[in-house]
Amino acid sequence: MGIPLSARPEARGGSGPPGSDPDTVRAHVLDGPGAGHAILNCLYAVQALHNADWSTALAGALNDWQAACWLAADRRFRASVVVSPHDPHAAADEVERCAATSGFVQVLLLGSSQAPLGQRLHWPIYAPPRRPGCRWRSTPGSPGPTRSHRWVGRRTTSRTTRARH
């Protein structure tokens, strides 16, 4: 199994892919350069699962894994709460649950969703992180076909005129 070109050979620890071993990440990201902390952004495509129950269950399992394997490994590790946008009320409950665990500092959402993130549908997700230091983070990505791509490169008016020289 080769190392991706985007990964430094020394970043590979143990038998897993680069960035999968807390001890190696600690040595190369925290101890080596002397970083005060590192924020984990777990991108396992939970938002791309269109079964709300499955997506919600996987998000909870990923957050438990981050807490057990990463946050427990070093107090300098921080994590992003992974939520499923398909059930906003369950997502809000997950944010509250993770907020009780030290080390979760932000909520991670994909930047593109089937319904725009500002719609009322998503408002329950935005309510919980009111504690100091908890933020929202949007990362590039989409849970599937986006709606806005249809407009790229198309005329925005029904008639176009050319300047005459």
N, C-alpha and C. Protein backbone atom coordinates (compact mmCIF):
# COMPACT_ATOMS: atom_id res chain seq x y z
N MET A 1 0.86 -1.18 0.00
CA MET A 1 0.00 0.00 0.00
C MET A 1 0.89 1.23 0.00
N GLY A 2 0.80 2.04 -1.02
CA GLY A 2 1.63 3.22 -1.14
C GLY A 2 1.09 4.39 -0.34
N ILE A 3 1.96 5.33 -0.08
CA ILE A 3 1.59 6.54 0.63
C ILE A 3 1.10 7.55 -0.39
N PRO A 4 -0.02 8.23 -0.14
CA PRO A 4 -0.48 9.25 -1.07
C PRO A 4 0.59 10.32 -1.27
N LEU A 5 0.65 10.87 -2.47
CA LEU A 5 1.64 11.90 -2.76
C LEU A 5 1.49 13.11 -1.85
N SER A 6 0.30 13.32 -1.32
CA SER A 6 0.07 14.48 -0.45
C SER A 6 0.56 14.26 0.97
N ALA A 7 1.01 13.07 1.30
CA ALA A 7 1.46 12.77 2.66
C ALA A 7 2.97 12.63 2.72
N ARG A 8 3.56 13.22 3.74
CA ARG A 8 4.99 13.06 3.96
C ARG A 8 5.25 11.62 4.39
N PRO A 9 6.30 10.98 3.89
CA PRO A 9 6.58 9.59 4.27
C PRO A 9 6.70 9.40 5.78
N GLU A 10 7.28 10.37 6.48
CA GLU A 10 7.45 10.22 7.93
C GLU A 10 6.15 10.42 8.69
N ALA A 11 5.09 10.89 8.01
CA ALA A 11 3.80 11.10 8.68
C ALA A 11 3.03 9.80 8.86
N ARG A 12 3.51 8.75 8.24
CA ARG A 12 2.83 7.47 8.36
C ARG A 12 3.30 6.76 9.63
N GLY A 13 2.35 6.42 10.47
CA GLY A 13 2.70 5.75 11.71
C GLY A 13 1.99 4.42 11.82
N GLY A 14 2.63 3.46 12.41
CA GLY A 14 2.00 2.16 12.58
C GLY A 14 1.66 1.53 11.24
N SER A 15 0.50 0.90 11.18
CA SER A 15 0.10 0.23 9.94
C SER A 15 -1.03 0.96 9.22
N GLY A 16 -1.50 2.06 9.78
CA GLY A 16 -2.62 2.77 9.16
C GLY A 16 -2.18 3.85 8.20
N PRO A 17 -3.14 4.53 7.61
CA PRO A 17 -2.82 5.61 6.68
C PRO A 17 -2.24 6.82 7.42
N PRO A 18 -1.61 7.74 6.68
CA PRO A 18 -1.06 8.94 7.32
C PRO A 18 -2.12 9.68 8.13
N GLY A 19 -1.72 10.17 9.29
CA GLY A 19 -2.63 10.91 10.14
C GLY A 19 -3.58 10.07 10.97
N SER A 20 -3.37 8.76 11.03
CA SER A 20 -4.30 7.89 11.75
C SER A 20 -3.78 7.44 13.11
N ASP A 21 -2.56 7.80 13.45
CA ASP A 21 -1.95 7.37 14.71
C ASP A 21 -1.71 8.58 15.61
N PRO A 22 -2.38 8.66 16.78
CA PRO A 22 -2.21 9.82 17.65
C PRO A 22 -0.76 10.08 18.07
N ASP A 23 0.02 9.03 18.31
CA ASP A 23 1.41 9.24 18.73
C ASP A 23 2.24 9.88 17.63
N THR A 24 2.04 9.44 16.38
CA THR A 24 2.78 10.02 15.26
C THR A 24 2.35 11.46 15.02
N VAL A 25 1.05 11.72 15.07
CA VAL A 25 0.56 13.09 14.89
C VAL A 25 1.08 13.98 16.01
N ARG A 26 1.08 13.47 17.22
CA ARG A 26 1.61 14.25 18.35
C ARG A 26 3.06 14.64 18.09
N ALA A 27 3.86 13.68 17.64
CA ALA A 27 5.29 13.95 17.41
C ALA A 27 5.51 14.94 16.27
N HIS A 28 4.75 14.81 15.18
CA HIS A 28 5.00 15.63 13.99
C HIS A 28 4.24 16.94 13.95
N VAL A 29 3.14 17.03 14.68
CA VAL A 29 2.33 18.25 14.62
C VAL A 29 2.44 19.07 15.91
N LEU A 30 2.44 18.39 17.04
CA LEU A 30 2.45 19.12 18.31
C LEU A 30 3.86 19.30 18.88
N ASP A 31 4.56 18.20 19.09
CA ASP A 31 5.88 18.27 19.72
C ASP A 31 6.95 18.88 18.82
N GLY A 32 7.02 18.42 17.58
CA GLY A 32 8.05 18.90 16.65
C GLY A 32 8.00 20.41 16.45
N PRO A 33 6.93 20.92 15.86
CA PRO A 33 6.85 22.37 15.63
C PRO A 33 6.45 23.16 16.87
N GLY A 34 6.01 22.47 17.92
CA GLY A 34 5.64 23.16 19.15
C GLY A 34 4.26 23.80 19.11
N ALA A 35 3.34 23.21 18.37
CA ALA A 35 1.98 23.75 18.29
C ALA A 35 1.28 23.60 19.63
N GLY A 36 0.47 24.58 19.97
CA GLY A 36 -0.26 24.55 21.23
C GLY A 36 -1.40 23.55 21.23
N HIS A 37 -2.03 23.37 20.08
CA HIS A 37 -3.09 22.38 19.94
C HIS A 37 -3.33 22.09 18.46
N ALA A 38 -4.04 21.01 18.19
CA ALA A 38 -4.41 20.62 16.83
C ALA A 38 -5.89 20.27 16.83
N ILE A 39 -6.63 20.83 15.88
CA ILE A 39 -8.06 20.55 15.78
C ILE A 39 -8.30 19.47 14.73
N LEU A 40 -8.95 18.40 15.15
CA LEU A 40 -9.27 17.29 14.25
C LEU A 40 -10.57 17.57 13.51
N ASN A 41 -10.54 17.42 12.20
CA ASN A 41 -11.74 17.55 11.37
C ASN A 41 -11.98 16.20 10.73
N CYS A 42 -12.90 15.45 11.29
CA CYS A 42 -13.17 14.08 10.87
C CYS A 42 -14.14 14.09 9.68
N LEU A 43 -13.61 13.81 8.50
CA LEU A 43 -14.42 13.86 7.28
C LEU A 43 -14.70 12.44 6.77
N TYR A 44 -15.67 11.79 7.38
CA TYR A 44 -16.02 10.43 6.99
C TYR A 44 -17.33 10.36 6.21
N ALA A 45 -17.73 11.44 5.58
CA ALA A 45 -18.91 11.49 4.71
C ALA A 45 -20.20 11.10 5.41
N VAL A 46 -20.29 11.36 6.70
CA VAL A 46 -21.53 11.08 7.43
C VAL A 46 -22.69 11.84 6.78
N GLN A 47 -22.42 13.07 6.34
CA GLN A 47 -23.46 13.90 5.76
C GLN A 47 -23.96 13.35 4.42
N ALA A 48 -23.17 12.51 3.78
CA ALA A 48 -23.55 11.96 2.47
C ALA A 48 -24.48 10.75 2.59
N LEU A 49 -24.65 10.23 3.79
CA LEU A 49 -25.57 9.11 3.99
C LEU A 49 -26.98 9.66 4.06
N HIS A 50 -27.85 9.23 3.17
CA HIS A 50 -29.18 9.82 3.11
C HIS A 50 -30.20 9.13 4.00
N ASN A 51 -29.78 8.16 4.78
CA ASN A 51 -30.63 7.54 5.79
C ASN A 51 -30.34 8.30 7.09
N ALA A 52 -31.31 9.07 7.55
CA ALA A 52 -31.10 9.94 8.72
C ALA A 52 -30.68 9.17 9.96
N ASP A 53 -31.29 8.00 10.21
CA ASP A 53 -30.95 7.23 11.40
C ASP A 53 -29.52 6.69 11.33
N TRP A 54 -29.14 6.19 10.18
CA TRP A 54 -27.78 5.65 10.00
C TRP A 54 -26.76 6.78 10.10
N SER A 55 -27.04 7.89 9.46
CA SER A 55 -26.13 9.03 9.49
C SER A 55 -25.95 9.55 10.91
N THR A 56 -27.04 9.64 11.65
CA THR A 56 -26.98 10.11 13.04
C THR A 56 -26.20 9.14 13.92
N ALA A 57 -26.44 7.85 13.75
CA ALA A 57 -25.72 6.84 14.54
C ALA A 57 -24.23 6.86 14.24
N LEU A 58 -23.87 6.98 12.96
CA LEU A 58 -22.46 7.02 12.59
C LEU A 58 -21.79 8.28 13.13
N ALA A 59 -22.48 9.41 13.09
CA ALA A 59 -21.91 10.65 13.63
C ALA A 59 -21.61 10.48 15.12
N GLY A 60 -22.54 9.90 15.87
CA GLY A 60 -22.31 9.67 17.29
C GLY A 60 -21.14 8.73 17.55
N ALA A 61 -21.03 7.67 16.74
CA ALA A 61 -19.92 6.73 16.88
C ALA A 61 -18.58 7.40 16.56
N LEU A 62 -18.56 8.25 15.54
CA LEU A 62 -17.32 8.96 15.20
C LEU A 62 -16.91 9.91 16.32
N ASN A 63 -17.87 10.58 16.92
CA ASN A 63 -17.55 11.49 18.02
C ASN A 63 -17.04 10.72 19.24
N ASP A 64 -17.63 9.56 19.52
CA ASP A 64 -17.14 8.72 20.61
C ASP A 64 -15.71 8.26 20.33
N TRP A 65 -15.44 7.87 19.09
CA TRP A 65 -14.09 7.43 18.69
C TRP A 65 -13.09 8.57 18.84
N GLN A 66 -13.46 9.77 18.40
CA GLN A 66 -12.54 10.91 18.54
C GLN A 66 -12.21 11.16 20.01
N ALA A 67 -13.22 11.08 20.86
CA ALA A 67 -13.00 11.32 22.29
C ALA A 67 -12.11 10.24 22.90
N ALA A 68 -12.39 8.97 22.58
CA ALA A 68 -11.64 7.86 23.17
C ALA A 68 -10.23 7.73 22.63
N CYS A 69 -10.06 7.89 21.33
CA CYS A 69 -8.75 7.65 20.72
C CYS A 69 -7.88 8.88 20.59
N TRP A 70 -8.46 10.04 20.42
CA TRP A 70 -7.66 11.24 20.18
C TRP A 70 -7.66 12.20 21.36
N LEU A 71 -8.83 12.59 21.84
CA LEU A 71 -8.87 13.55 22.94
C LEU A 71 -8.26 12.97 24.21
N ALA A 72 -8.42 11.67 24.41
CA ALA A 72 -7.82 11.02 25.58
C ALA A 72 -6.31 10.85 25.45
N ALA A 73 -5.79 10.91 24.21
CA ALA A 73 -4.37 10.68 23.98
C ALA A 73 -3.50 11.87 24.36
N ASP A 74 -4.03 13.08 24.23
CA ASP A 74 -3.24 14.28 24.54
C ASP A 74 -4.20 15.45 24.72
N ARG A 75 -4.02 16.21 25.78
CA ARG A 75 -4.92 17.33 26.05
C ARG A 75 -4.81 18.43 25.01
N ARG A 76 -3.77 18.40 24.18
CA ARG A 76 -3.61 19.41 23.13
C ARG A 76 -4.43 19.11 21.88
N PHE A 77 -4.94 17.88 21.78
CA PHE A 77 -5.84 17.57 20.66
C PHE A 77 -7.21 18.17 20.95
N ARG A 78 -7.80 18.75 19.94
CA ARG A 78 -9.18 19.25 19.99
C ARG A 78 -9.93 18.54 18.86
N ALA A 79 -11.25 18.54 18.92
CA ALA A 79 -12.02 17.84 17.90
C ALA A 79 -13.23 18.66 17.46
N SER A 80 -13.67 18.36 16.25
CA SER A 80 -14.89 18.93 15.70
C SER A 80 -16.02 17.93 15.89
N VAL A 81 -17.16 18.41 16.36
CA VAL A 81 -18.33 17.54 16.51
C VAL A 81 -18.87 17.24 15.11
N VAL A 82 -19.00 15.97 14.78
CA VAL A 82 -19.56 15.55 13.51
C VAL A 82 -21.07 15.37 13.71
N VAL A 83 -21.87 15.99 12.85
CA VAL A 83 -23.32 15.87 12.96
C VAL A 83 -23.92 15.48 11.62
N SER A 84 -25.11 14.93 11.68
CA SER A 84 -25.88 14.61 10.48
C SER A 84 -26.89 15.72 10.25
N PRO A 85 -26.85 16.36 9.08
CA PRO A 85 -27.81 17.44 8.82
C PRO A 85 -29.21 16.92 8.49
N HIS A 86 -29.37 15.61 8.34
CA HIS A 86 -30.65 15.04 7.93
C HIS A 86 -31.67 15.00 9.06
N ASP A 87 -31.21 15.10 10.29
CA ASP A 87 -32.11 15.16 11.45
C ASP A 87 -31.58 16.27 12.36
N PRO A 88 -31.98 17.52 12.10
CA PRO A 88 -31.43 18.65 12.84
C PRO A 88 -31.61 18.57 14.35
N HIS A 89 -32.72 18.01 14.81
CA HIS A 89 -32.93 17.91 16.26
C HIS A 89 -31.97 16.89 16.88
N ALA A 90 -31.75 15.77 16.21
CA ALA A 90 -30.76 14.80 16.69
C ALA A 90 -29.36 15.39 16.63
N ALA A 91 -29.08 16.21 15.61
CA ALA A 91 -27.77 16.86 15.50
C ALA A 91 -27.56 17.82 16.67
N ALA A 92 -28.61 18.57 17.04
CA ALA A 92 -28.50 19.48 18.18
C ALA A 92 -28.24 18.69 19.47
N ASP A 93 -28.91 17.55 19.62
CA ASP A 93 -28.67 16.70 20.80
C ASP A 93 -27.23 16.20 20.82
N GLU A 94 -26.68 15.86 19.65
CA GLU A 94 -25.30 15.37 19.57
C GLU A 94 -24.31 16.48 19.93
N VAL A 95 -24.59 17.69 19.51
CA VAL A 95 -23.73 18.82 19.87
C VAL A 95 -23.73 19.01 21.38
N GLU A 96 -24.90 18.96 21.99
CA GLU A 96 -25.00 19.10 23.45
C GLU A 96 -24.26 17.97 24.16
N ARG A 97 -24.42 16.75 23.66
CA ARG A 97 -23.75 15.60 24.27
C ARG A 97 -22.23 15.77 24.23
N CYS A 98 -21.72 16.18 23.07
CA CYS A 98 -20.28 16.33 22.92
C CYS A 98 -19.74 17.55 23.66
N ALA A 99 -20.58 18.56 23.83
CA ALA A 99 -20.15 19.76 24.55
C ALA A 99 -19.78 19.43 26.00
N ALA A 100 -20.34 18.34 26.52
CA ALA A 100 -20.02 17.92 27.88
C ALA A 100 -18.64 17.28 27.97
N THR A 101 -18.07 16.92 26.83
CA THR A 101 -16.74 16.31 26.78
C THR A 101 -15.70 17.38 26.49
N SER A 102 -14.73 17.49 27.34
CA SER A 102 -13.67 18.48 27.13
C SER A 102 -12.92 18.15 25.85
N GLY A 103 -12.67 19.16 25.04
CA GLY A 103 -11.89 18.97 23.84
C GLY A 103 -12.65 19.20 22.55
N PHE A 104 -13.97 19.10 22.57
CA PHE A 104 -14.75 19.41 21.37
C PHE A 104 -14.90 20.93 21.32
N VAL A 105 -14.39 21.55 20.25
CA VAL A 105 -14.36 23.01 20.19
C VAL A 105 -15.16 23.61 19.04
N GLN A 106 -15.63 22.79 18.12
CA GLN A 106 -16.40 23.32 17.00
C GLN A 106 -17.31 22.24 16.43
N VAL A 107 -18.28 22.68 15.64
CA VAL A 107 -19.21 21.78 14.96
C VAL A 107 -18.89 21.84 13.48
N LEU A 108 -18.73 20.69 12.85
CA LEU A 108 -18.31 20.61 11.46
C LEU A 108 -19.49 20.32 10.54
N LEU A 109 -19.68 21.19 9.55
CA LEU A 109 -20.72 20.99 8.54
C LEU A 109 -20.10 21.09 7.16
N LEU A 110 -20.68 20.39 6.21
CA LEU A 110 -20.24 20.54 4.83
C LEU A 110 -20.78 21.86 4.29
N GLY A 111 -19.97 22.54 3.48
CA GLY A 111 -20.35 23.85 2.97
C GLY A 111 -21.52 23.82 2.01
N SER A 112 -21.74 22.71 1.37
CA SER A 112 -22.85 22.59 0.43
C SER A 112 -23.77 21.49 0.92
N SER A 113 -25.03 21.77 0.94
CA SER A 113 -25.99 20.76 1.38
C SER A 113 -27.18 20.79 0.43
N GLN A 114 -28.04 19.80 0.56
CA GLN A 114 -29.21 19.77 -0.33
C GLN A 114 -30.12 20.95 -0.08
N ALA A 115 -30.26 21.35 1.16
CA ALA A 115 -30.98 22.58 1.50
C ALA A 115 -29.93 23.57 2.00
N PRO A 116 -29.96 24.81 1.54
CA PRO A 116 -28.96 25.78 1.99
C PRO A 116 -28.88 25.84 3.52
N LEU A 117 -27.67 25.99 4.04
CA LEU A 117 -27.44 25.92 5.48
C LEU A 117 -28.16 27.01 6.27
N GLY A 118 -28.57 28.08 5.62
CA GLY A 118 -29.28 29.15 6.31
C GLY A 118 -30.77 28.94 6.43
N GLN A 119 -31.30 27.90 5.80
CA GLN A 119 -32.74 27.67 5.87
C GLN A 119 -33.18 27.23 7.26
N ARG A 120 -34.41 27.53 7.56
CA ARG A 120 -35.00 27.24 8.87
C ARG A 120 -34.84 25.78 9.27
N LEU A 121 -34.82 24.89 8.30
CA LEU A 121 -34.63 23.46 8.55
C LEU A 121 -33.41 23.21 9.44
N HIS A 122 -32.34 23.96 9.23
CA HIS A 122 -31.08 23.74 9.96
C HIS A 122 -30.97 24.51 11.28
N TRP A 123 -31.89 25.38 11.57
CA TRP A 123 -31.77 26.22 12.76
C TRP A 123 -31.57 25.46 14.05
N PRO A 124 -32.22 24.30 14.27
CA PRO A 124 -31.97 23.58 15.53
C PRO A 124 -30.49 23.21 15.72
N ILE A 125 -29.79 22.95 14.63
CA ILE A 125 -28.37 22.59 14.74
C ILE A 125 -27.56 23.76 15.27
N TYR A 126 -27.95 24.98 14.92
CA TYR A 126 -27.17 26.16 15.31
C TYR A 126 -27.41 26.60 16.74
N ALA A 127 -28.45 26.13 17.38
CA ALA A 127 -28.79 26.60 18.72
C ALA A 127 -27.83 26.17 19.83
N PRO A 128 -27.39 24.91 19.90
CA PRO A 128 -26.64 24.46 21.07
C PRO A 128 -25.28 25.10 21.37
N PRO A 129 -24.39 25.32 20.40
CA PRO A 129 -23.04 25.71 20.82
C PRO A 129 -22.96 27.15 21.31
N ARG A 130 -23.54 27.39 22.47
CA ARG A 130 -23.53 28.73 23.05
C ARG A 130 -22.47 28.87 24.13
N ARG A 131 -21.76 27.79 24.41
CA ARG A 131 -20.73 27.89 25.43
C ARG A 131 -19.51 28.60 24.84
N PRO A 132 -18.77 29.29 25.67
CA PRO A 132 -17.59 30.01 25.17
C PRO A 132 -16.60 29.07 24.49
N GLY A 133 -16.07 29.50 23.38
CA GLY A 133 -15.05 28.73 22.69
C GLY A 133 -15.58 27.74 21.66
N CYS A 134 -16.89 27.52 21.60
CA CYS A 134 -17.44 26.58 20.62
C CYS A 134 -17.88 27.35 19.39
N ARG A 135 -17.42 26.91 18.23
CA ARG A 135 -17.68 27.60 16.97
C ARG A 135 -18.25 26.64 15.94
N TRP A 136 -18.67 27.22 14.83
CA TRP A 136 -19.11 26.45 13.67
C TRP A 136 -18.02 26.47 12.64
N ARG A 137 -17.83 25.38 11.93
CA ARG A 137 -16.86 25.34 10.85
C ARG A 137 -17.52 24.67 9.66
N SER A 138 -17.40 25.33 8.53
CA SER A 138 -17.91 24.77 7.29
C SER A 138 -16.71 24.37 6.45
N THR A 139 -16.76 23.18 5.90
CA THR A 139 -15.65 22.69 5.08
C THR A 139 -16.18 22.38 3.68
N PRO A 140 -15.36 22.55 2.67
CA PRO A 140 -15.85 22.24 1.32
C PRO A 140 -16.32 20.79 1.23
N GLY A 141 -17.42 20.61 0.61
CA GLY A 141 -17.95 19.27 0.43
C GLY A 141 -19.43 19.32 0.17
N SER A 142 -19.96 18.21 -0.27
CA SER A 142 -21.37 18.12 -0.59
C SER A 142 -21.86 16.71 -0.29
N PRO A 143 -23.07 16.59 0.24
CA PRO A 143 -23.61 15.26 0.50
C PRO A 143 -24.16 14.58 -0.74
N GLY A 144 -23.99 15.17 -1.86
CA GLY A 144 -24.52 14.60 -3.10
C GLY A 144 -24.64 15.69 -4.14
N PRO A 145 -25.53 15.51 -5.08
CA PRO A 145 -25.68 16.53 -6.13
C PRO A 145 -26.08 17.87 -5.53
N THR A 146 -25.39 18.91 -5.92
CA THR A 146 -25.73 20.24 -5.44
C THR A 146 -26.72 20.88 -6.39
N ARG A 147 -27.42 21.84 -5.90
CA ARG A 147 -28.43 22.52 -6.72
C ARG A 147 -27.85 23.73 -7.45
N SER A 148 -26.83 24.36 -6.91
CA SER A 148 -26.33 25.60 -7.50
C SER A 148 -25.45 25.37 -8.73
N HIS A 149 -24.96 24.17 -8.95
CA HIS A 149 -24.05 23.94 -10.06
C HIS A 149 -24.72 24.16 -11.42
N ARG A 150 -26.03 24.06 -11.45
CA ARG A 150 -26.73 24.25 -12.72
C ARG A 150 -26.56 25.65 -13.27
N TRP A 151 -26.29 26.58 -12.40
CA TRP A 151 -26.23 27.98 -12.82
C TRP A 151 -24.84 28.40 -13.25
N VAL A 152 -23.86 27.64 -12.98
CA VAL A 152 -22.50 28.01 -13.33
C VAL A 152 -22.37 28.07 -14.85
N GLY A 153 -21.91 29.20 -15.34
CA GLY A 153 -21.68 29.36 -16.77
C GLY A 153 -22.91 29.66 -17.60
N ARG A 154 -24.06 29.77 -16.98
CA ARG A 154 -25.28 30.07 -17.73
C ARG A 154 -25.58 31.57 -17.67
N ARG A 155 -26.33 32.02 -18.64
CA ARG A 155 -26.74 33.41 -18.64
C ARG A 155 -27.69 33.64 -17.47
N THR A 156 -27.57 34.80 -16.85
CA THR A 156 -28.46 35.10 -15.73
C THR A 156 -29.68 35.88 -16.18
N THR A 157 -29.71 36.30 -17.43
CA THR A 157 -30.90 36.97 -17.97
C THR A 157 -31.36 36.20 -19.19
N SER A 158 -32.57 36.44 -19.60
CA SER A 158 -33.10 35.70 -20.73
C SER A 158 -32.56 36.21 -22.06
N ARG A 159 -31.98 37.39 -22.07
CA ARG A 159 -31.46 37.95 -23.31
C ARG A 159 -30.10 38.59 -23.06
N THR A 160 -29.17 38.31 -23.92
CA THR A 160 -27.84 38.91 -23.80
C THR A 160 -27.61 39.81 -25.00
N THR A 161 -26.96 40.91 -24.77
CA THR A 161 -26.64 41.81 -25.89
C THR A 161 -25.13 41.94 -25.99
N ARG A 162 -24.67 42.20 -27.20
CA ARG A 162 -23.24 42.40 -27.42
C ARG A 162 -22.98 43.86 -27.72
N ALA A 163 -21.88 44.32 -27.22
CA ALA A 163 -21.49 45.70 -27.53
C ALA A 163 -21.05 45.76 -28.98
N ARG A 164 -21.48 46.80 -29.68
CA ARG A 164 -21.08 46.97 -31.08
C ARG A 164 -19.93 47.93 -31.16
N HIS A 165 -18.94 47.56 -31.92
CA HIS A 165 -17.75 48.40 -32.07
C HIS A 165 -17.74 49.03 -33.42
